Amino acid sequence: MTAEQIRPIVLGILARIAPDEDLTSIDDSVPLREQMELDSMDFLDIVMELRKMYRVQIPEEDYGNLGTMSSTVTYLTPLLKDAAAPVAPA
């Protein structure tokens, strides 16, 4: 997958975890916790969703790489390079 394919996946996970948040104005360079009401459990839910969906293991020491949308996509790009992009429903 490419970075352009990964960003919507992360947005989809955020939408499921925080359904009341407006994700249309996410600034990729600003920490997600500053833009959304995410607590530590929500953050772990993001990590668990990625593990469940793509079998990606994110070690705790790498959690800092998931602070902004930009850093999250950058971190995930090599991990998901061989993963199949989800197919959009018809």
PDB file of N, CA and C in Angstrom:
ATOM      1  N   MET A   1       0.827  -1.188   0.000  1.00  0.00           N
ATOM      2  CA  MET A   1       0.000   0.000   0.000  1.00  0.00           C
ATOM      3  C   MET A   1       0.867   1.246   0.000  1.00  0.00           C
ATOM      4  N   THR A   2       0.315   2.280  -0.521  1.00  0.00           N
ATOM      5  CA  THR A   2       1.009   3.565  -0.557  1.00  0.00           C
ATOM      6  C   THR A   2       0.501   4.457   0.579  1.00  0.00           C
ATOM      7  N   ALA A   3       1.216   5.553   0.799  1.00  0.00           N
ATOM      8  CA  ALA A   3       0.795   6.510   1.821  1.00  0.00           C
ATOM      9  C   ALA A   3      -0.616   7.034   1.517  1.00  0.00           C
ATOM     10  N   GLU A   4      -0.917   7.231   0.235  1.00  0.00           N
ATOM     11  CA  GLU A   4      -2.241   7.730  -0.148  1.00  0.00           C
ATOM     12  C   GLU A   4      -3.342   6.720   0.179  1.00  0.00           C
ATOM     13  N   GLN A   5      -3.005   5.447   0.231  1.00  0.00           N
ATOM     14  CA  GLN A   5      -3.978   4.411   0.584  1.00  0.00           C
ATOM     15  C   GLN A   5      -4.070   4.222   2.096  1.00  0.00           C
ATOM     16  N   ILE A   6      -2.994   4.520   2.798  1.00  0.00           N
ATOM     17  CA  ILE A   6      -2.959   4.297   4.245  1.00  0.00           C
ATOM     18  C   ILE A   6      -3.715   5.378   5.005  1.00  0.00           C
ATOM     19  N   ARG A   7      -3.609   6.623   4.582  1.00  0.00           N
ATOM     20  CA  ARG A   7      -4.263   7.717   5.305  1.00  0.00           C
ATOM     21  C   ARG A   7      -5.767   7.480   5.491  1.00  0.00           C
ATOM     22  N   PRO A   8      -6.525   7.101   4.441  1.00  0.00           N
ATOM     23  CA  PRO A   8      -7.956   6.860   4.642  1.00  0.00           C
ATOM     24  C   PRO A   8      -8.230   5.684   5.587  1.00  0.00           C
ATOM     25  N   ILE A   9      -7.327   4.723   5.632  1.00  0.00           N
ATOM     26  CA  ILE A   9      -7.491   3.596   6.545  1.00  0.00           C
ATOM     27  C   ILE A   9      -7.393   4.083   7.984  1.00  0.00           C
ATOM     28  N   VAL A  10      -6.395   4.926   8.239  1.00  0.00           N
ATOM     29  CA  VAL A  10      -6.231   5.477   9.584  1.00  0.00           C
ATOM     30  C   VAL A  10      -7.440   6.345   9.940  1.00  0.00           C
ATOM     31  N   LEU A  11      -7.917   7.129   8.992  1.00  0.00           N
ATOM     32  CA  LEU A  11      -9.119   7.944   9.235  1.00  0.00           C
ATOM     33  C   LEU A  11     -10.323   7.066   9.548  1.00  0.00           C
ATOM     34  N   GLY A  12     -10.445   5.939   8.862  1.00  0.00           N
ATOM     35  CA  GLY A  12     -11.546   5.016   9.128  1.00  0.00           C
ATOM     36  C   GLY A  12     -11.483   4.438  10.531  1.00  0.00           C
ATOM     37  N   ILE A  13     -10.278   4.104  10.964  1.00  0.00           N
ATOM     38  CA  ILE A  13     -10.103   3.597  12.329  1.00  0.00           C
ATOM     39  C   ILE A  13     -10.469   4.683  13.335  1.00  0.00           C
ATOM     40  N   LEU A  14     -10.007   5.900  13.098  1.00  0.00           N
ATOM     41  CA  LEU A  14     -10.340   7.010  13.991  1.00  0.00           C
ATOM     42  C   LEU A  14     -11.846   7.249  14.035  1.00  0.00           C
ATOM     43  N   ALA A  15     -12.516   7.118  12.904  1.00  0.00           N
ATOM     44  CA  ALA A  15     -13.968   7.325  12.849  1.00  0.00           C
ATOM     45  C   ALA A  15     -14.704   6.286  13.688  1.00  0.00           C
ATOM     46  N   ARG A  16     -14.202   5.055  13.692  1.00  0.00           N
ATOM     47  CA  ARG A  16     -14.841   4.008  14.505  1.00  0.00           C
ATOM     48  C   ARG A  16     -14.565   4.209  15.993  1.00  0.00           C
ATOM     49  N   ILE A  17     -13.371   4.671  16.321  1.00  0.00           N
ATOM     50  CA  ILE A  17     -12.994   4.855  17.719  1.00  0.00           C
ATOM     51  C   ILE A  17     -13.622   6.112  18.313  1.00  0.00           C
ATOM     52  N   ALA A  18     -13.716   7.157  17.524  1.00  0.00           N
ATOM     53  CA  ALA A  18     -14.256   8.441  17.991  1.00  0.00           C
ATOM     54  C   ALA A  18     -15.315   8.919  17.004  1.00  0.00           C
ATOM     55  N   PRO A  19     -16.479   8.265  16.997  1.00  0.00           N
ATOM     56  CA  PRO A  19     -17.503   8.564  15.982  1.00  0.00           C
ATOM     57  C   PRO A  19     -18.054   9.985  16.030  1.00  0.00           C
ATOM     58  N   ASP A  20     -17.907  10.681  17.139  1.00  0.00           N
ATOM     59  CA  ASP A  20     -18.444  12.037  17.246  1.00  0.00           C
ATOM     60  C   ASP A  20     -17.473  13.114  16.784  1.00  0.00           C
ATOM     61  N   GLU A  21     -16.257  12.716  16.449  1.00  0.00           N
ATOM     62  CA  GLU A  21     -15.239  13.683  16.032  1.00  0.00           C
ATOM     63  C   GLU A  21     -15.406  14.055  14.556  1.00  0.00           C
ATOM     64  N   ASP A  22     -15.100  15.319  14.240  1.00  0.00           N
ATOM     65  CA  ASP A  22     -15.098  15.788  12.859  1.00  0.00           C
ATOM     66  C   ASP A  22     -13.699  15.552  12.291  1.00  0.00           C
ATOM     67  N   LEU A  23     -13.587  14.594  11.410  1.00  0.00           N
ATOM     68  CA  LEU A  23     -12.290  14.227  10.860  1.00  0.00           C
ATOM     69  C   LEU A  23     -11.967  14.957   9.558  1.00  0.00           C
ATOM     70  N   THR A  24     -12.862  15.773   9.087  1.00  0.00           N
ATOM     71  CA  THR A  24     -12.660  16.452   7.804  1.00  0.00           C
ATOM     72  C   THR A  24     -11.588  17.537   7.886  1.00  0.00           C
ATOM     73  N   SER A  25     -11.303  18.016   9.094  1.00  0.00           N
ATOM     74  CA  SER A  25     -10.334  19.105   9.217  1.00  0.00           C
ATOM     75  C   SER A  25      -9.048  18.665   9.923  1.00  0.00           C
ATOM     76  N   ILE A  26      -8.744  17.377   9.877  1.00  0.00           N
ATOM     77  CA  ILE A  26      -7.521  16.881  10.500  1.00  0.00           C
ATOM     78  C   ILE A  26      -6.309  17.506   9.808  1.00  0.00           C
ATOM     79  N   ASP A  27      -5.459  18.125  10.602  1.00  0.00           N
ATOM     80  CA  ASP A  27      -4.199  18.678  10.099  1.00  0.00           C
ATOM     81  C   ASP A  27      -3.140  17.594  10.302  1.00  0.00           C
ATOM     82  N   ASP A  28      -2.556  17.137   9.207  1.00  0.00           N
ATOM     83  CA  ASP A  28      -1.634  16.000   9.264  1.00  0.00           C
ATOM     84  C   ASP A  28      -0.388  16.266  10.101  1.00  0.00           C
ATOM     85  N   SER A  29      -0.046  17.531  10.334  1.00  0.00           N
ATOM     86  CA  SER A  29       1.184  17.844  11.057  1.00  0.00           C
ATOM     87  C   SER A  29       0.959  18.139  12.545  1.00  0.00           C
ATOM     88  N   VAL A  30      -0.295  18.205  12.981  1.00  0.00           N
ATOM     89  CA  VAL A  30      -0.617  18.512  14.378  1.00  0.00           C
ATOM     90  C   VAL A  30      -0.927  17.200  15.101  1.00  0.00           C
ATOM     91  N   PRO A  31      -0.398  17.030  16.321  1.00  0.00           N
ATOM     92  CA  PRO A  31      -0.692  15.795  17.058  1.00  0.00           C
ATOM     93  C   PRO A  31      -2.193  15.513  17.129  1.00  0.00           C
ATOM     94  N   LEU A  32      -2.533  14.255  16.881  1.00  0.00           N
ATOM     95  CA  LEU A  32      -3.938  13.853  16.872  1.00  0.00           C
ATOM     96  C   LEU A  32      -4.611  14.135  18.209  1.00  0.00           C
ATOM     97  N   ARG A  33      -3.896  13.950  19.294  1.00  0.00           N
ATOM     98  CA  ARG A  33      -4.484  14.196  20.619  1.00  0.00           C
ATOM     99  C   ARG A  33      -4.824  15.666  20.839  1.00  0.00           C
ATOM    100  N   GLU A  34      -4.167  16.565  20.113  1.00  0.00           N
ATOM    101  CA  GLU A  34      -4.496  17.988  20.211  1.00  0.00           C
ATOM    102  C   GLU A  34      -5.723  18.330  19.370  1.00  0.00           C
ATOM    103  N   GLN A  35      -6.029  17.494  18.390  1.00  0.00           N
ATOM    104  CA  GLN A  35      -7.148  17.766  17.486  1.00  0.00           C
ATOM    105  C   GLN A  35      -8.408  17.000  17.870  1.00  0.00           C
ATOM    106  N   MET A  36      -8.211  15.925  18.603  1.00  0.00           N
ATOM    107  CA  MET A  36      -9.331  15.045  18.940  1.00  0.00           C
ATOM    108  C   MET A  36      -9.274  14.720  20.425  1.00  0.00           C
ATOM    109  N   GLU A  37     -10.390  14.287  20.938  1.00  0.00           N
ATOM    110  CA  GLU A  37     -10.419  13.855  22.330  1.00  0.00           C
ATOM    111  C   GLU A  37     -10.068  12.373  22.386  1.00  0.00           C
ATOM    112  N   LEU A  38      -8.777  12.085  22.286  1.00  0.00           N
ATOM    113  CA  LEU A  38      -8.289  10.715  22.344  1.00  0.00           C
ATOM    114  C   LEU A  38      -7.570  10.515  23.670  1.00  0.00           C
ATOM    115  N   ASP A  39      -7.949   9.450  24.374  1.00  0.00           N
ATOM    116  CA  ASP A  39      -7.210   9.123  25.581  1.00  0.00           C
ATOM    117  C   ASP A  39      -6.305   7.931  25.293  1.00  0.00           C
ATOM    118  N   SER A  40      -5.605   7.469  26.295  1.00  0.00           N
ATOM    119  CA  SER A  40      -4.636   6.388  26.075  1.00  0.00           C
ATOM    120  C   SER A  40      -5.325   5.099  25.627  1.00  0.00           C
ATOM    121  N   MET A  41      -6.533   4.849  26.082  1.00  0.00           N
ATOM    122  CA  MET A  41      -7.256   3.642  25.642  1.00  0.00           C
ATOM    123  C   MET A  41      -7.645   3.758  24.173  1.00  0.00           C
ATOM    124  N   ASP A  42      -8.052   4.936  23.737  1.00  0.00           N
ATOM    125  CA  ASP A  42      -8.368   5.145  22.324  1.00  0.00           C
ATOM    126  C   ASP A  42      -7.129   4.896  21.469  1.00  0.00           C
ATOM    127  N   PHE A  43      -5.992   5.378  21.951  1.00  0.00           N
ATOM    128  CA  PHE A  43      -4.751   5.181  21.219  1.00  0.00           C
ATOM    129  C   PHE A  43      -4.427   3.692  21.095  1.00  0.00           C
ATOM    130  N   LEU A  44      -4.600   2.955  22.184  1.00  0.00           N
ATOM    131  CA  LEU A  44      -4.374   1.503  22.135  1.00  0.00           C
ATOM    132  C   LEU A  44      -5.362   0.833  21.194  1.00  0.00           C
ATOM    133  N   ASP A  45      -6.580   1.344  21.131  1.00  0.00           N
ATOM    134  CA  ASP A  45      -7.570   0.799  20.191  1.00  0.00           C
ATOM    135  C   ASP A  45      -7.097   0.966  18.748  1.00  0.00           C
ATOM    136  N   ILE A  46      -6.445   2.073  18.445  1.00  0.00           N
ATOM    137  CA  ILE A  46      -5.910   2.295  17.102  1.00  0.00           C
ATOM    138  C   ILE A  46      -4.864   1.228  16.789  1.00  0.00           C
ATOM    139  N   VAL A  47      -3.964   1.023  17.730  1.00  0.00           N
ATOM    140  CA  VAL A  47      -2.914   0.014  17.554  1.00  0.00           C
ATOM    141  C   VAL A  47      -3.527  -1.375  17.383  1.00  0.00           C
ATOM    142  N   MET A  48      -4.537  -1.686  18.183  1.00  0.00           N
ATOM    143  CA  MET A  48      -5.176  -3.006  18.105  1.00  0.00           C
ATOM    144  C   MET A  48      -5.927  -3.185  16.788  1.00  0.00           C
ATOM    145  N   GLU A  49      -6.561  -2.146  16.302  1.00  0.00           N
ATOM    146  CA  GLU A  49      -7.259  -2.225  15.015  1.00  0.00           C
ATOM    147  C   GLU A  49      -6.277  -2.511  13.883  1.00  0.00           C
ATOM    148  N   LEU A  50      -5.138  -1.838  13.912  1.00  0.00           N
ATOM    149  CA  LEU A  50      -4.119  -2.087  12.886  1.00  0.00           C
ATOM    150  C   LEU A  50      -3.616  -3.527  12.971  1.00  0.00           C
ATOM    151  N   ARG A  51      -3.469  -4.017  14.184  1.00  0.00           N
ATOM    152  CA  ARG A  51      -3.025  -5.406  14.352  1.00  0.00           C
ATOM    153  C   ARG A  51      -4.085  -6.371  13.813  1.00  0.00           C
ATOM    154  N   LYS A  52      -5.334  -6.098  14.148  1.00  0.00           N
ATOM    155  CA  LYS A  52      -6.424  -6.973  13.725  1.00  0.00           C
ATOM    156  C   LYS A  52      -6.617  -6.940  12.205  1.00  0.00           C
ATOM    157  N   MET A  53      -6.567  -5.754  11.630  1.00  0.00           N
ATOM    158  CA  MET A  53      -6.833  -5.608  10.202  1.00  0.00           C
ATOM    159  C   MET A  53      -5.683  -6.082   9.326  1.00  0.00           C
ATOM    160  N   TYR A  54      -4.435  -5.789   9.770  1.00  0.00           N
ATOM    161  CA  TYR A  54      -3.285  -6.021   8.899  1.00  0.00           C
ATOM    162  C   TYR A  54      -2.170  -6.846   9.541  1.00  0.00           C
ATOM    163  N   ARG A  55      -2.424  -7.344  10.726  1.00  0.00           N
ATOM    164  CA  ARG A  55      -1.422  -8.141  11.455  1.00  0.00           C
ATOM    165  C   ARG A  55      -0.113  -7.377  11.634  1.00  0.00           C
ATOM    166  N   VAL A  56      -0.228  -6.087  11.857  1.00  0.00           N
ATOM    167  CA  VAL A  56       0.928  -5.222  12.080  1.00  0.00           C
ATOM    168  C   VAL A  56       1.205  -5.172  13.576  1.00  0.00           C
ATOM    169  N   GLN A  57       2.427  -5.508  13.949  1.00  0.00           N
ATOM    170  CA  GLN A  57       2.846  -5.417  15.340  1.00  0.00           C
ATOM    171  C   GLN A  57       3.555  -4.082  15.541  1.00  0.00           C
ATOM    172  N   ILE A  58       3.028  -3.269  16.433  1.00  0.00           N
ATOM    173  CA  ILE A  58       3.644  -1.988  16.732  1.00  0.00           C
ATOM    174  C   ILE A  58       4.142  -2.049  18.168  1.00  0.00           C
ATOM    175  N   PRO A  59       5.454  -2.120  18.345  1.00  0.00           N
ATOM    176  CA  PRO A  59       5.990  -2.182  19.702  1.00  0.00           C
ATOM    177  C   PRO A  59       5.721  -0.889  20.468  1.00  0.00           C
ATOM    178  N   GLU A  60       5.567  -1.024  21.762  1.00  0.00           N
ATOM    179  CA  GLU A  60       5.248   0.134  22.596  1.00  0.00           C
ATOM    180  C   GLU A  60       6.257   1.267  22.432  1.00  0.00           C
ATOM    181  N   GLU A  61       7.520   0.919  22.235  1.00  0.00           N
ATOM    182  CA  GLU A  61       8.530   1.969  22.081  1.00  0.00           C
ATOM    183  C   GLU A  61       8.364   2.762  20.778  1.00  0.00           C
ATOM    184  N   ASP A  62       7.543   2.264  19.866  1.00  0.00           N
ATOM    185  CA  ASP A  62       7.284   2.977  18.606  1.00  0.00           C
ATOM    186  C   ASP A  62       6.004   3.803  18.635  1.00  0.00           C
ATOM    187  N   TYR A  63       5.262   3.783  19.725  1.00  0.00           N
ATOM    188  CA  TYR A  63       4.002   4.514  19.796  1.00  0.00           C
ATOM    189  C   TYR A  63       4.178   6.000  19.502  1.00  0.00           C
ATOM    190  N   GLY A  64       5.325   6.567  19.839  1.00  0.00           N
ATOM    191  CA  GLY A  64       5.583   7.976  19.563  1.00  0.00           C
ATOM    192  C   GLY A  64       5.545   8.307  18.086  1.00  0.00           C
ATOM    193  N   ASN A  65       5.747   7.294  17.231  1.00  0.00           N
ATOM    194  CA  ASN A  65       5.695   7.499  15.785  1.00  0.00           C
ATOM    195  C   ASN A  65       4.271   7.675  15.272  1.00  0.00           C
ATOM    196  N   LEU A  66       3.301   7.486  16.144  1.00  0.00           N
ATOM    197  CA  LEU A  66       1.899   7.576  15.734  1.00  0.00           C
ATOM    198  C   LEU A  66       1.234   8.852  16.260  1.00  0.00           C
ATOM    199  N   GLY A  67       2.021   9.861  16.537  1.00  0.00           N
ATOM    200  CA  GLY A  67       1.484  11.083  17.131  1.00  0.00           C
ATOM    201  C   GLY A  67       0.647  11.932  16.192  1.00  0.00           C
ATOM    202  N   THR A  68       1.116  12.116  14.972  1.00  0.00           N
ATOM    203  CA  THR A  68       0.383  12.916  13.994  1.00  0.00           C
ATOM    204  C   THR A  68      -0.070  11.998  12.853  1.00  0.00           C
ATOM    205  N   MET A  69      -0.959  12.489  12.041  1.00  0.00           N
ATOM    206  CA  MET A  69      -1.385  11.697  10.887  1.00  0.00           C
ATOM    207  C   MET A  69      -0.195  11.468   9.961  1.00  0.00           C
ATOM    208  N   SER A  70       0.592  12.504   9.749  1.00  0.00           N
ATOM    209  CA  SER A  70       1.745  12.394   8.863  1.00  0.00           C
ATOM    210  C   SER A  70       2.751  11.363   9.373  1.00  0.00           C
ATOM    211  N   SER A  71       3.083  11.422  10.657  1.00  0.00           N
ATOM    212  CA  SER A  71       4.058  10.472  11.195  1.00  0.00           C
ATOM    213  C   SER A  71       3.485   9.057  11.227  1.00  0.00           C
ATOM    214  N   THR A  72       2.185   8.929  11.438  1.00  0.00           N
ATOM    215  CA  THR A  72       1.549   7.614  11.434  1.00  0.00           C
ATOM    216  C   THR A  72       1.642   6.984  10.050  1.00  0.00           C
ATOM    217  N   VAL A  73       1.303   7.753   9.032  1.00  0.00           N
ATOM    218  CA  VAL A  73       1.362   7.247   7.650  1.00  0.00           C
ATOM    219  C   VAL A  73       2.800   6.903   7.279  1.00  0.00           C
ATOM    220  N   THR A  74       3.736   7.762   7.643  1.00  0.00           N
ATOM    221  CA  THR A  74       5.149   7.502   7.353  1.00  0.00           C
ATOM    222  C   THR A  74       5.613   6.218   8.036  1.00  0.00           C
ATOM    223  N   TYR A  75       5.228   6.036   9.286  1.00  0.00           N
ATOM    224  CA  TYR A  75       5.620   4.840  10.039  1.00  0.00           C
ATOM    225  C   TYR A  75       5.007   3.578   9.431  1.00  0.00           C
ATOM    226  N   LEU A  76       3.731   3.658   9.046  1.00  0.00           N
ATOM    227  CA  LEU A  76       3.026   2.476   8.546  1.00  0.00           C
ATOM    228  C   LEU A  76       3.382   2.106   7.107  1.00  0.00           C
ATOM    229  N   THR A  77       3.844   3.060   6.315  1.00  0.00           N
ATOM    230  CA  THR A  77       4.093   2.797   4.896  1.00  0.00           C
ATOM    231  C   THR A  77       4.999   1.590   4.661  1.00  0.00           C
ATOM    232  N   PRO A  78       6.170   1.486   5.292  1.00  0.00           N
ATOM    233  CA  PRO A  78       6.984   0.287   5.042  1.00  0.00           C
ATOM    234  C   PRO A  78       6.368  -0.983   5.632  1.00  0.00           C
ATOM    235  N   LEU A  79       5.614  -0.847   6.720  1.00  0.00           N
ATOM    236  CA  LEU A  79       5.001  -2.023   7.347  1.00  0.00           C
ATOM    237  C   LEU A  79       3.867  -2.593   6.504  1.00  0.00           C
ATOM    238  N   LEU A  80       3.184  -1.713   5.778  1.00  0.00           N
ATOM    239  CA  LEU A  80       2.019  -2.137   4.996  1.00  0.00           C
ATOM    240  C   LEU A  80       2.296  -2.182   3.494  1.00  0.00           C
ATOM    241  N   LYS A  81       3.564  -2.049   3.099  1.00  0.00           N
ATOM    242  CA  LYS A  81       3.873  -1.970   1.667  1.00  0.00           C
ATOM    243  C   LYS A  81       3.402  -3.194   0.895  1.00  0.00           C
ATOM    244  N   ASP A  82       3.389  -4.348   1.535  1.00  0.00           N
ATOM    245  CA  ASP A  82       2.956  -5.567   0.857  1.00  0.00           C
ATOM    246  C   ASP A  82       1.511  -5.951   1.156  1.00  0.00           C
ATOM    247  N   ALA A  83       0.849  -5.159   1.980  1.00  0.00           N
ATOM    248  CA  ALA A  83      -0.540  -5.465   2.330  1.00  0.00           C
ATOM    249  C   ALA A  83      -1.464  -5.038   1.186  1.00  0.00           C
ATOM    250  N   ALA A  84      -2.535  -5.770   1.039  1.00  0.00           N
ATOM    251  CA  ALA A  84      -3.517  -5.411   0.023  1.00  0.00           C
ATOM    252  C   ALA A  84      -4.377  -4.263   0.531  1.00  0.00           C
ATOM    253  N   ALA A  85      -4.599  -3.303  -0.319  1.00  0.00           N
ATOM    254  CA  ALA A  85      -5.483  -2.196   0.032  1.00  0.00           C
ATOM    255  C   ALA A  85      -6.908  -2.705   0.109  1.00  0.00           C
ATOM    256  N   PRO A  86      -7.685  -2.201   1.056  1.00  0.00           N
ATOM    257  CA  PRO A  86      -9.073  -2.643   1.131  1.00  0.00           C
ATOM    258  C   PRO A  86      -9.848  -2.222  -0.119  1.00  0.00           C
ATOM    259  N   VAL A  87     -10.770  -3.037  -0.501  1.00  0.00           N
ATOM    260  CA  VAL A  87     -11.597  -2.752  -1.663  1.00  0.00           C
ATOM    261  C   VAL A  87     -12.793  -1.935  -1.221  1.00  0.00           C
ATOM    262  N   ALA A  88     -13.033  -0.842  -1.900  1.00  0.00           N
ATOM    263  CA  ALA A  88     -14.177   0.001  -1.576  1.00  0.00           C
ATOM    264  C   ALA A  88     -15.459  -0.719  -1.943  1.00  0.00           C
ATOM    265  N   PRO A  89     -16.473  -0.643  -1.071  1.00  0.00           N
ATOM    266  CA  PRO A  89     -17.741  -1.297  -1.398  1.00  0.00           C
ATOM    267  C   PRO A  89     -18.379  -0.680  -2.640  1.00  0.00           C
ATOM    268  N   ALA A  90     -19.027  -1.498  -3.411  1.00  0.00           N
ATOM    269  CA  ALA A  90     -19.651  -1.034  -4.662  1.00  0.00           C
ATOM    270  C   ALA A  90     -20.939  -0.317  -4.389  1.00  0.00           C
TER     271      ALA A  90
END
